[in-house]
Amino acid sequence: MYISPMDEKTKFQTTFELAEKLHRTMVYGIFIYPLFVAMAESFNWGIFHFLNFETMKSMGLVFMILTIVFFPLTYAIEALFIRGCLDFGKLGKRLLYAEIANMTMSEAITIFGLVIYLTSANLKFFYLFFVISFVHLLTLRPKKKKWQKRLNDISVH
């Protein structure tokens, strides 16, 4: 059976739908971390590797600075990924890669909280980082309007 190649518009739309599916999966998947923490607390797994206060203080500060830097960086990443792209199919792929990079940064924020939890047994900081990560993930969902604007910008050139 012969499958005809997709036209550029269909490729772009399929790539957008893939980005939406990945985002939904990430939103559901990020709840694995609080589930792990709840199980560790409930069953007293004793998985903590306590560090001294000064190390924890500096590590928490570094993680918080990285978390704050990730917010503006996610908006700059998209521009970096699509710079110089004049092809519809490539634009869709590059926007998808930018979305994946943004979701990765969101996941990293949760991992920062998990590391702090494992090294200090402090639930407050874990949930702080988790909520920041979740908000970050929700604000950066793929939006059809934004992708269409990028497509229109390329069509003009």
C-alpha atoms as a PDB file:
ATOM      1  CA  MET A   1       0.000   0.000   0.000  1.00  0.00           C
ATOM      2  CA  TYR A   2       1.342   3.421  -0.935  1.00  0.00           C
ATOM      3  CA  ILE A   3       1.066   6.177   1.642  1.00  0.00           C
ATOM      4  CA  SER A   4       1.326   9.577   0.058  1.00  0.00           C
ATOM      5  CA  PRO A   5       3.596  12.110   1.753  1.00  0.00           C
ATOM      6  CA  MET A   6       1.922  14.743   3.901  1.00  0.00           C
ATOM      7  CA  ASP A   7       1.755  18.302   2.743  1.00  0.00           C
ATOM      8  CA  GLU A   8       3.436  21.010   4.811  1.00  0.00           C
ATOM      9  CA  LYS A   9       0.240  22.133   6.551  1.00  0.00           C
ATOM     10  CA  THR A  10      -0.595  18.589   7.647  1.00  0.00           C
ATOM     11  CA  LYS A  11       2.962  18.037   8.940  1.00  0.00           C
ATOM     12  CA  PHE A  12       2.761  21.234  10.947  1.00  0.00           C
ATOM     13  CA  GLN A  13      -0.639  20.336  12.396  1.00  0.00           C
ATOM     14  CA  THR A  14       0.500  16.789  13.237  1.00  0.00           C
ATOM     15  CA  THR A  15       3.568  18.173  14.998  1.00  0.00           C
ATOM     16  CA  PHE A  16       1.381  20.549  17.024  1.00  0.00           C
ATOM     17  CA  GLU A  17      -0.876  17.665  18.049  1.00  0.00           C
ATOM     18  CA  LEU A  18       2.203  15.685  19.099  1.00  0.00           C
ATOM     19  CA  ALA A  19       3.371  18.629  21.234  1.00  0.00           C
ATOM     20  CA  GLU A  20      -0.057  18.754  22.893  1.00  0.00           C
ATOM     21  CA  LYS A  21       0.058  15.007  23.637  1.00  0.00           C
ATOM     22  CA  LEU A  22       3.563  15.292  25.089  1.00  0.00           C
ATOM     23  CA  HIS A  23       2.475  18.187  27.277  1.00  0.00           C
ATOM     24  CA  ARG A  24      -0.562  16.313  28.614  1.00  0.00           C
ATOM     25  CA  THR A  25       1.635  13.306  29.347  1.00  0.00           C
ATOM     26  CA  MET A  26       4.123  15.491  31.186  1.00  0.00           C
ATOM     27  CA  VAL A  27       1.383  17.128  33.272  1.00  0.00           C
ATOM     28  CA  TYR A  28       0.134  13.713  34.382  1.00  0.00           C
ATOM     29  CA  GLY A  29       3.637  12.279  34.728  1.00  0.00           C
ATOM     30  CA  ILE A  30       4.911  15.010  37.014  1.00  0.00           C
ATOM     31  CA  PHE A  31       2.596  13.696  39.733  1.00  0.00           C
ATOM     32  CA  ILE A  32       4.839  10.642  40.088  1.00  0.00           C
ATOM     33  CA  TYR A  33       7.161  12.716  42.287  1.00  0.00           C
ATOM     34  CA  PRO A  34       4.606  13.615  44.994  1.00  0.00           C
ATOM     35  CA  LEU A  35       3.370  10.028  44.888  1.00  0.00           C
ATOM     36  CA  PHE A  36       6.927   8.826  45.551  1.00  0.00           C
ATOM     37  CA  VAL A  37       7.326  11.307  48.412  1.00  0.00           C
ATOM     38  CA  ALA A  38       3.983  10.293  49.926  1.00  0.00           C
ATOM     39  CA  MET A  39       4.976   6.628  49.783  1.00  0.00           C
ATOM     40  CA  ALA A  40       8.381   7.369  51.313  1.00  0.00           C
ATOM     41  CA  GLU A  41       6.688   9.260  54.142  1.00  0.00           C
ATOM     42  CA  SER A  42       3.975   6.650  54.681  1.00  0.00           C
ATOM     43  CA  PHE A  43       6.189   3.587  54.700  1.00  0.00           C
ATOM     44  CA  ASN A  44       9.227   5.171  56.427  1.00  0.00           C
ATOM     45  CA  TRP A  45      11.662   4.007  53.769  1.00  0.00           C
ATOM     46  CA  GLY A  46      14.589   5.832  55.361  1.00  0.00           C
ATOM     47  CA  ILE A  47      15.947   7.033  52.014  1.00  0.00           C
ATOM     48  CA  PHE A  48      17.418  10.256  53.304  1.00  0.00           C
ATOM     49  CA  HIS A  49      21.060  11.184  52.995  1.00  0.00           C
ATOM     50  CA  PHE A  50      21.381  14.150  55.312  1.00  0.00           C
ATOM     51  CA  LEU A  51      23.887  16.875  54.485  1.00  0.00           C
ATOM     52  CA  ASN A  52      25.205  19.567  56.781  1.00  0.00           C
ATOM     53  CA  PHE A  53      23.328  22.843  57.066  1.00  0.00           C
ATOM     54  CA  GLU A  54      25.786  24.965  55.070  1.00  0.00           C
ATOM     55  CA  THR A  55      25.728  22.553  52.130  1.00  0.00           C
ATOM     56  CA  MET A  56      21.936  22.463  52.191  1.00  0.00           C
ATOM     57  CA  LYS A  57      21.742  26.233  52.378  1.00  0.00           C
ATOM     58  CA  SER A  58      24.019  26.766  49.378  1.00  0.00           C
ATOM     59  CA  MET A  59      22.396  23.950  47.372  1.00  0.00           C
ATOM     60  CA  GLY A  60      18.919  25.359  48.057  1.00  0.00           C
ATOM     61  CA  LEU A  61      20.063  28.813  46.996  1.00  0.00           C
ATOM     62  CA  VAL A  62      21.550  27.485  43.745  1.00  0.00           C
ATOM     63  CA  PHE A  63      18.394  25.510  42.986  1.00  0.00           C
ATOM     64  CA  MET A  64      16.191  28.534  43.681  1.00  0.00           C
ATOM     65  CA  ILE A  65      18.319  30.757  41.426  1.00  0.00           C
ATOM     66  CA  LEU A  66      18.170  28.158  38.641  1.00  0.00           C
ATOM     67  CA  THR A  67      14.411  27.909  39.061  1.00  0.00           C
ATOM     68  CA  ILE A  68      14.028  31.670  38.748  1.00  0.00           C
ATOM     69  CA  VAL A  69      16.332  31.748  35.706  1.00  0.00           C
ATOM     70  CA  PHE A  70      14.340  28.971  33.998  1.00  0.00           C
ATOM     71  CA  PHE A  71      11.223  31.153  33.649  1.00  0.00           C
ATOM     72  CA  PRO A  72      12.665  33.826  31.310  1.00  0.00           C
ATOM     73  CA  LEU A  73      14.937  31.256  29.681  1.00  0.00           C
ATOM     74  CA  THR A  74      11.958  29.232  28.475  1.00  0.00           C
ATOM     75  CA  TYR A  75      10.665  32.212  26.517  1.00  0.00           C
ATOM     76  CA  ALA A  76      14.082  32.832  24.975  1.00  0.00           C
ATOM     77  CA  ILE A  77      14.552  29.191  23.987  1.00  0.00           C
ATOM     78  CA  GLU A  78      11.721  29.226  21.471  1.00  0.00           C
ATOM     79  CA  ALA A  79      13.232  32.196  19.664  1.00  0.00           C
ATOM     80  CA  LEU A  80      16.617  30.465  19.591  1.00  0.00           C
ATOM     81  CA  PHE A  81      15.167  27.242  18.211  1.00  0.00           C
ATOM     82  CA  ILE A  82      13.239  28.831  15.339  1.00  0.00           C
ATOM     83  CA  ARG A  83      15.788  31.428  14.318  1.00  0.00           C
ATOM     84  CA  GLY A  84      16.426  31.329  10.579  1.00  0.00           C
ATOM     85  CA  CYS A  85      13.734  28.743   9.863  1.00  0.00           C
ATOM     86  CA  LEU A  86      11.834  29.404   6.631  1.00  0.00           C
ATOM     87  CA  ASP A  87      10.286  25.971   6.037  1.00  0.00           C
ATOM     88  CA  PHE A  88       6.869  25.002   7.442  1.00  0.00           C
ATOM     89  CA  GLY A  89       7.834  21.412   8.233  1.00  0.00           C
ATOM     90  CA  LYS A  90      11.056  22.417   9.936  1.00  0.00           C
ATOM     91  CA  LEU A  91       9.257  25.143  11.882  1.00  0.00           C
ATOM     92  CA  GLY A  92       6.903  22.570  13.376  1.00  0.00           C
ATOM     93  CA  LYS A  93       9.796  20.333  14.399  1.00  0.00           C
ATOM     94  CA  ARG A  94      11.747  23.204  15.893  1.00  0.00           C
ATOM     95  CA  LEU A  95       8.732  24.417  17.859  1.00  0.00           C
ATOM     96  CA  LEU A  96       8.252  20.847  19.103  1.00  0.00           C
ATOM     97  CA  TYR A  97      11.894  20.695  20.209  1.00  0.00           C
ATOM     98  CA  ALA A  98      11.483  24.048  21.984  1.00  0.00           C
ATOM     99  CA  GLU A  99       8.422  22.683  23.802  1.00  0.00           C
ATOM    100  CA  ILE A 100      10.380  19.581  24.828  1.00  0.00           C
ATOM    101  CA  ALA A 101      13.222  21.762  26.148  1.00  0.00           C
ATOM    102  CA  ASN A 102      10.720  23.841  28.133  1.00  0.00           C
ATOM    103  CA  MET A 103       9.088  20.743  29.588  1.00  0.00           C
ATOM    104  CA  THR A 104      12.530  19.417  30.514  1.00  0.00           C
ATOM    105  CA  MET A 105      13.259  22.588  32.463  1.00  0.00           C
ATOM    106  CA  SER A 106       9.952  22.191  34.254  1.00  0.00           C
ATOM    107  CA  GLU A 107      10.833  18.608  35.145  1.00  0.00           C
ATOM    108  CA  ALA A 108      14.244  19.764  36.401  1.00  0.00           C
ATOM    109  CA  ILE A 109      12.554  22.120  38.865  1.00  0.00           C
ATOM    110  CA  THR A 110      10.685  19.178  40.391  1.00  0.00           C
ATOM    111  CA  ILE A 111      13.898  17.170  40.536  1.00  0.00           C
ATOM    112  CA  PHE A 112      15.510  20.066  42.442  1.00  0.00           C
ATOM    113  CA  GLY A 113      12.752  19.740  45.023  1.00  0.00           C
ATOM    114  CA  LEU A 114      13.191  15.969  45.171  1.00  0.00           C
ATOM    115  CA  VAL A 115      16.941  16.323  45.749  1.00  0.00           C
ATOM    116  CA  ILE A 116      16.330  18.787  48.570  1.00  0.00           C
ATOM    117  CA  TYR A 117      13.763  16.407  50.052  1.00  0.00           C
ATOM    118  CA  LEU A 118      16.151  13.444  49.883  1.00  0.00           C
ATOM    119  CA  THR A 119      18.991  15.392  51.475  1.00  0.00           C
ATOM    120  CA  SER A 120      17.012  17.173  54.189  1.00  0.00           C
ATOM    121  CA  ALA A 121      13.656  15.368  54.664  1.00  0.00           C
ATOM    122  CA  ASN A 122      11.993  18.767  54.299  1.00  0.00           C
ATOM    123  CA  LEU A 123       8.563  18.396  52.715  1.00  0.00           C
ATOM    124  CA  LYS A 124       7.902  22.131  52.492  1.00  0.00           C
ATOM    125  CA  PHE A 125      10.687  22.744  50.003  1.00  0.00           C
ATOM    126  CA  PHE A 126       9.743  19.717  47.930  1.00  0.00           C
ATOM    127  CA  TYR A 127       6.164  20.939  47.569  1.00  0.00           C
ATOM    128  CA  LEU A 128       7.350  24.502  46.910  1.00  0.00           C
ATOM    129  CA  PHE A 129       9.462  23.320  43.985  1.00  0.00           C
ATOM    130  CA  PHE A 130       6.693  20.981  42.814  1.00  0.00           C
ATOM    131  CA  VAL A 131       4.105  23.774  42.725  1.00  0.00           C
ATOM    132  CA  ILE A 132       6.519  26.099  40.918  1.00  0.00           C
ATOM    133  CA  SER A 133       7.219  23.344  38.395  1.00  0.00           C
ATOM    134  CA  PHE A 134       3.529  22.617  37.896  1.00  0.00           C
ATOM    135  CA  VAL A 135       2.720  26.300  37.334  1.00  0.00           C
ATOM    136  CA  HIS A 136       5.687  26.526  34.967  1.00  0.00           C
ATOM    137  CA  LEU A 137       4.398  23.544  33.026  1.00  0.00           C
ATOM    138  CA  LEU A 138       0.849  24.899  32.810  1.00  0.00           C
ATOM    139  CA  THR A 139       1.916  28.356  31.641  1.00  0.00           C
ATOM    140  CA  LEU A 140       4.052  26.938  28.854  1.00  0.00           C
ATOM    141  CA  ARG A 141       1.553  24.601  27.256  1.00  0.00           C
ATOM    142  CA  PRO A 142       1.545  24.565  23.449  1.00  0.00           C
ATOM    143  CA  LYS A 143      -1.006  27.087  22.216  1.00  0.00           C
ATOM    144  CA  LYS A 144      -2.438  26.934  18.721  1.00  0.00           C
ATOM    145  CA  LYS A 145      -2.576  30.738  18.543  1.00  0.00           C
ATOM    146  CA  LYS A 146       1.149  31.066  19.294  1.00  0.00           C
ATOM    147  CA  TRP A 147       2.106  28.376  16.780  1.00  0.00           C
ATOM    148  CA  GLN A 148      -0.144  29.984  14.151  1.00  0.00           C
ATOM    149  CA  LYS A 149       1.547  33.346  14.779  1.00  0.00           C
ATOM    150  CA  ARG A 150       4.949  31.762  14.164  1.00  0.00           C
ATOM    151  CA  LEU A 151       3.601  30.164  10.989  1.00  0.00           C
ATOM    152  CA  ASN A 152       2.222  33.507   9.793  1.00  0.00           C
ATOM    153  CA  ASP A 153       5.570  35.192  10.504  1.00  0.00           C
ATOM    154  CA  ILE A 154       7.283  32.694   8.206  1.00  0.00           C
ATOM    155  CA  SER A 155       4.601  33.056   5.522  1.00  0.00           C
ATOM    156  CA  VAL A 156       5.274  36.799   5.323  1.00  0.00           C
ATOM    157  CA  HIS A 157       8.981  36.268   4.588  1.00  0.00           C
END
